[in-house]
């Protein structure tokens, strides 16, 4: 866990995936979310993915549980299938758009600060 905390410290966004056919993987998600929060100390975008929708017959985690957890922790939520490709592109693009919006906001603030600092001067011309 110490290695993952170091990894999360520099992260702009995180993908947490669980297996909808294995309830224990869903149960572990909360601990991952705690590790992310402890390591980053800020609110970074987290994409929660319930994987293996192609294996619906063996589902152990109802979709509603994932949706509820995502709502409680303010996560982006998708169910997907790495095998069939269902929702894989869409979910990652959703996270990428959020990261781009955050980057644009940071750039906008930087430009604003630079413009404000040019206006201020410690000396006055007489």
C-alpha atoms as a PDB file:
ATOM      1  CA  UNK A   1       0.000   0.000   0.000  1.00  0.00           C
ATOM      2  CA  UNK A   2       2.901   2.423   0.586  1.00  0.00           C
ATOM      3  CA  UNK A   3       3.897   2.171  -3.077  1.00  0.00           C
ATOM      4  CA  UNK A   4       0.352   2.889  -4.214  1.00  0.00           C
ATOM      5  CA  UNK A   5       0.141   5.921  -1.930  1.00  0.00           C
ATOM      6  CA  UNK A   6       3.302   7.317  -3.515  1.00  0.00           C
ATOM      7  CA  UNK A   7       1.831   6.655  -6.953  1.00  0.00           C
ATOM      8  CA  UNK A   8      -1.480   8.364  -6.126  1.00  0.00           C
ATOM      9  CA  UNK A   9       0.317  11.423  -4.737  1.00  0.00           C
ATOM     10  CA  UNK A  10       1.163  12.583  -8.266  1.00  0.00           C
ATOM     11  CA  UNK A  11      -2.081  11.447  -9.908  1.00  0.00           C
ATOM     12  CA  UNK A  12      -4.446  13.826 -11.686  1.00  0.00           C
ATOM     13  CA  UNK A  13      -7.148  11.153 -11.899  1.00  0.00           C
ATOM     14  CA  UNK A  14      -7.634   7.523 -10.933  1.00  0.00           C
ATOM     15  CA  UNK A  15      -9.462   4.523 -12.377  1.00  0.00           C
ATOM     16  CA  UNK A  16     -10.748   1.996  -9.828  1.00  0.00           C
ATOM     17  CA  UNK A  17     -12.123  -1.193 -11.339  1.00  0.00           C
ATOM     18  CA  UNK A  18     -13.988  -4.039  -9.715  1.00  0.00           C
ATOM     19  CA  UNK A  19     -15.329  -7.303 -11.081  1.00  0.00           C
ATOM     20  CA  UNK A  20     -19.146  -7.470 -11.098  1.00  0.00           C
ATOM     21  CA  UNK A  21     -18.862 -11.271 -10.846  1.00  0.00           C
ATOM     22  CA  UNK A  22     -16.787 -11.128  -7.619  1.00  0.00           C
ATOM     23  CA  UNK A  23     -18.353  -9.274  -4.687  1.00  0.00           C
ATOM     24  CA  UNK A  24     -15.070  -9.173  -2.736  1.00  0.00           C
ATOM     25  CA  UNK A  25     -13.532  -6.926  -5.406  1.00  0.00           C
ATOM     26  CA  UNK A  26     -16.385  -4.453  -4.914  1.00  0.00           C
ATOM     27  CA  UNK A  27     -15.945  -4.604  -1.142  1.00  0.00           C
ATOM     28  CA  UNK A  28     -12.266  -3.648  -1.595  1.00  0.00           C
ATOM     29  CA  UNK A  29     -13.177  -0.473  -3.512  1.00  0.00           C
ATOM     30  CA  UNK A  30     -13.809   1.564  -0.342  1.00  0.00           C
ATOM     31  CA  UNK A  31     -10.294   0.847   0.924  1.00  0.00           C
ATOM     32  CA  UNK A  32      -8.855   1.954  -2.418  1.00  0.00           C
ATOM     33  CA  UNK A  33     -10.863   5.174  -2.178  1.00  0.00           C
ATOM     34  CA  UNK A  34      -9.492   5.797   1.323  1.00  0.00           C
ATOM     35  CA  UNK A  35      -5.935   5.240   0.049  1.00  0.00           C
ATOM     36  CA  UNK A  36      -6.508   7.666  -2.820  1.00  0.00           C
ATOM     37  CA  UNK A  37      -7.898  10.336  -0.503  1.00  0.00           C
ATOM     38  CA  UNK A  38      -5.075   9.901   2.027  1.00  0.00           C
ATOM     39  CA  UNK A  39      -2.394  10.079  -0.657  1.00  0.00           C
ATOM     40  CA  UNK A  40      -3.728  12.992  -2.678  1.00  0.00           C
ATOM     41  CA  UNK A  41      -5.219  15.109   0.082  1.00  0.00           C
ATOM     42  CA  UNK A  42      -7.503  16.669  -2.499  1.00  0.00           C
ATOM     43  CA  UNK A  43     -10.532  15.849  -4.569  1.00  0.00           C
ATOM     44  CA  UNK A  44      -9.253  14.284  -7.794  1.00  0.00           C
ATOM     45  CA  UNK A  45     -11.559  12.675 -10.345  1.00  0.00           C
ATOM     46  CA  UNK A  46     -12.068   8.961  -9.808  1.00  0.00           C
ATOM     47  CA  UNK A  47     -13.596   6.697 -12.434  1.00  0.00           C
ATOM     48  CA  UNK A  48     -15.288   3.660 -10.889  1.00  0.00           C
ATOM     49  CA  UNK A  49     -15.670   0.812 -13.364  1.00  0.00           C
ATOM     50  CA  UNK A  50     -17.710  -2.329 -12.831  1.00  0.00           C
ATOM     51  CA  UNK A  51     -16.092  -4.748 -15.270  1.00  0.00           C
ATOM     52  CA  UNK A  52     -17.296  -7.960 -16.951  1.00  0.00           C
ATOM     53  CA  UNK A  53     -20.774  -6.909 -18.077  1.00  0.00           C
ATOM     54  CA  UNK A  54     -20.342  -9.544 -20.781  1.00  0.00           C
ATOM     55  CA  UNK A  55     -20.700 -12.152 -18.022  1.00  0.00           C
ATOM     56  CA  UNK A  56     -24.124 -11.080 -16.724  1.00  0.00           C
ATOM     57  CA  UNK A  57     -25.149 -14.615 -15.690  1.00  0.00           C
ATOM     58  CA  UNK A  58     -22.459 -14.659 -13.002  1.00  0.00           C
ATOM     59  CA  UNK A  59     -23.128 -11.145 -11.668  1.00  0.00           C
ATOM     60  CA  UNK A  60     -22.682 -10.817  -7.893  1.00  0.00           C
ATOM     61  CA  UNK A  61     -22.687  -7.025  -7.641  1.00  0.00           C
ATOM     62  CA  UNK A  62     -25.940  -5.325  -8.678  1.00  0.00           C
ATOM     63  CA  UNK A  63     -25.516  -2.202 -10.798  1.00  0.00           C
ATOM     64  CA  UNK A  64     -27.342  -0.195  -8.136  1.00  0.00           C
ATOM     65  CA  UNK A  65     -24.591  -0.843  -5.582  1.00  0.00           C
ATOM     66  CA  UNK A  66     -21.992   0.667  -7.895  1.00  0.00           C
ATOM     67  CA  UNK A  67     -24.246   3.621  -8.665  1.00  0.00           C
ATOM     68  CA  UNK A  68     -24.908   4.211  -4.963  1.00  0.00           C
ATOM     69  CA  UNK A  69     -21.210   4.073  -4.051  1.00  0.00           C
ATOM     70  CA  UNK A  70     -20.377   6.449  -6.896  1.00  0.00           C
ATOM     71  CA  UNK A  71     -23.023   8.902  -5.714  1.00  0.00           C
ATOM     72  CA  UNK A  72     -21.826   8.731  -2.079  1.00  0.00           C
ATOM     73  CA  UNK A  73     -18.184   9.368  -3.029  1.00  0.00           C
ATOM     74  CA  UNK A  74     -18.810  11.680  -5.993  1.00  0.00           C
ATOM     75  CA  UNK A  75     -17.277   9.267  -8.515  1.00  0.00           C
ATOM     76  CA  UNK A  76     -17.757   8.852 -12.242  1.00  0.00           C
ATOM     77  CA  UNK A  77     -19.444   5.472 -12.691  1.00  0.00           C
ATOM     78  CA  UNK A  78     -19.701   3.098 -15.624  1.00  0.00           C
ATOM     79  CA  UNK A  79     -20.175  -0.586 -16.059  1.00  0.00           C
ATOM     80  CA  UNK A  80     -18.071  -2.007 -18.853  1.00  0.00           C
ATOM     81  CA  UNK A  81     -16.577  -5.076 -20.441  1.00  0.00           C
ATOM     82  CA  UNK A  82     -12.884  -5.174 -21.212  1.00  0.00           C
ATOM     83  CA  UNK A  83     -13.621  -8.346 -23.182  1.00  0.00           C
ATOM     84  CA  UNK A  84     -16.287  -6.922 -25.522  1.00  0.00           C
ATOM     85  CA  UNK A  85     -15.184  -3.288 -25.306  1.00  0.00           C
ATOM     86  CA  UNK A  86     -18.602  -2.153 -24.010  1.00  0.00           C
ATOM     87  CA  UNK A  87     -18.278   1.323 -22.399  1.00  0.00           C
ATOM     88  CA  UNK A  88     -14.481   1.174 -22.222  1.00  0.00           C
ATOM     89  CA  UNK A  89     -13.877   4.059 -24.611  1.00  0.00           C
ATOM     90  CA  UNK A  90     -16.789   6.137 -23.320  1.00  0.00           C
ATOM     91  CA  UNK A  91     -15.750   5.850 -19.679  1.00  0.00           C
ATOM     92  CA  UNK A  92     -12.117   6.808 -20.266  1.00  0.00           C
ATOM     93  CA  UNK A  93     -13.127   9.694 -22.540  1.00  0.00           C
ATOM     94  CA  UNK A  94     -15.431  10.959 -19.779  1.00  0.00           C
ATOM     95  CA  UNK A  95     -12.510  11.013 -17.333  1.00  0.00           C
ATOM     96  CA  UNK A  96     -10.244  12.621 -19.954  1.00  0.00           C
ATOM     97  CA  UNK A  97     -12.772  15.429 -20.539  1.00  0.00           C
ATOM     98  CA  UNK A  98     -12.910  16.183 -16.825  1.00  0.00           C
ATOM     99  CA  UNK A  99      -9.109  16.236 -16.603  1.00  0.00           C
ATOM    100  CA  UNK A 100      -8.945  18.589 -19.601  1.00  0.00           C
ATOM    101  CA  UNK A 101     -11.489  20.929 -17.991  1.00  0.00           C
ATOM    102  CA  UNK A 102      -9.425  20.999 -14.797  1.00  0.00           C
ATOM    103  CA  UNK A 103      -6.244  21.715 -16.756  1.00  0.00           C
ATOM    104  CA  UNK A 104      -7.965  24.560 -18.602  1.00  0.00           C
ATOM    105  CA  UNK A 105      -9.117  26.084 -15.293  1.00  0.00           C
ATOM    106  CA  UNK A 106      -5.565  25.953 -13.911  1.00  0.00           C
ATOM    107  CA  UNK A 107      -4.196  27.619 -17.051  1.00  0.00           C
ATOM    108  CA  UNK A 108      -6.883  30.295 -16.853  1.00  0.00           C
ATOM    109  CA  UNK A 109      -5.983  31.057 -13.224  1.00  0.00           C
ATOM    110  CA  UNK A 110      -2.280  31.212 -14.129  1.00  0.00           C
ATOM    111  CA  UNK A 111      -2.930  33.696 -16.928  1.00  0.00           C
ATOM    112  CA  UNK A 112      -5.113  35.761 -14.586  1.00  0.00           C
ATOM    113  CA  UNK A 113      -2.388  35.844 -11.924  1.00  0.00           C
ATOM    114  CA  UNK A 114       0.264  36.827 -14.464  1.00  0.00           C
ATOM    115  CA  UNK A 115      -1.914  39.647 -15.793  1.00  0.00           C
ATOM    116  CA  UNK A 116      -2.643  40.894 -12.273  1.00  0.00           C
ATOM    117  CA  UNK A 117       1.048  40.878 -11.308  1.00  0.00           C
ATOM    118  CA  UNK A 118       1.932  43.026 -14.345  1.00  0.00           C
ATOM    119  CA  UNK A 119      -0.504  45.714 -13.212  1.00  0.00           C
ATOM    120  CA  UNK A 120       1.022  46.037  -9.747  1.00  0.00           C
ATOM    121  CA  UNK A 121       4.238  47.909  -9.246  1.00  0.00           C
ATOM    122  CA  UNK A 122       6.273  48.737  -6.186  1.00  0.00           C
ATOM    123  CA  UNK A 123       7.462  52.048  -7.621  1.00  0.00           C
ATOM    124  CA  UNK A 124       5.529  55.088  -8.747  1.00  0.00           C
ATOM    125  CA  UNK A 125       6.709  57.515 -11.423  1.00  0.00           C
ATOM    126  CA  UNK A 126       6.567  61.164 -10.537  1.00  0.00           C
END
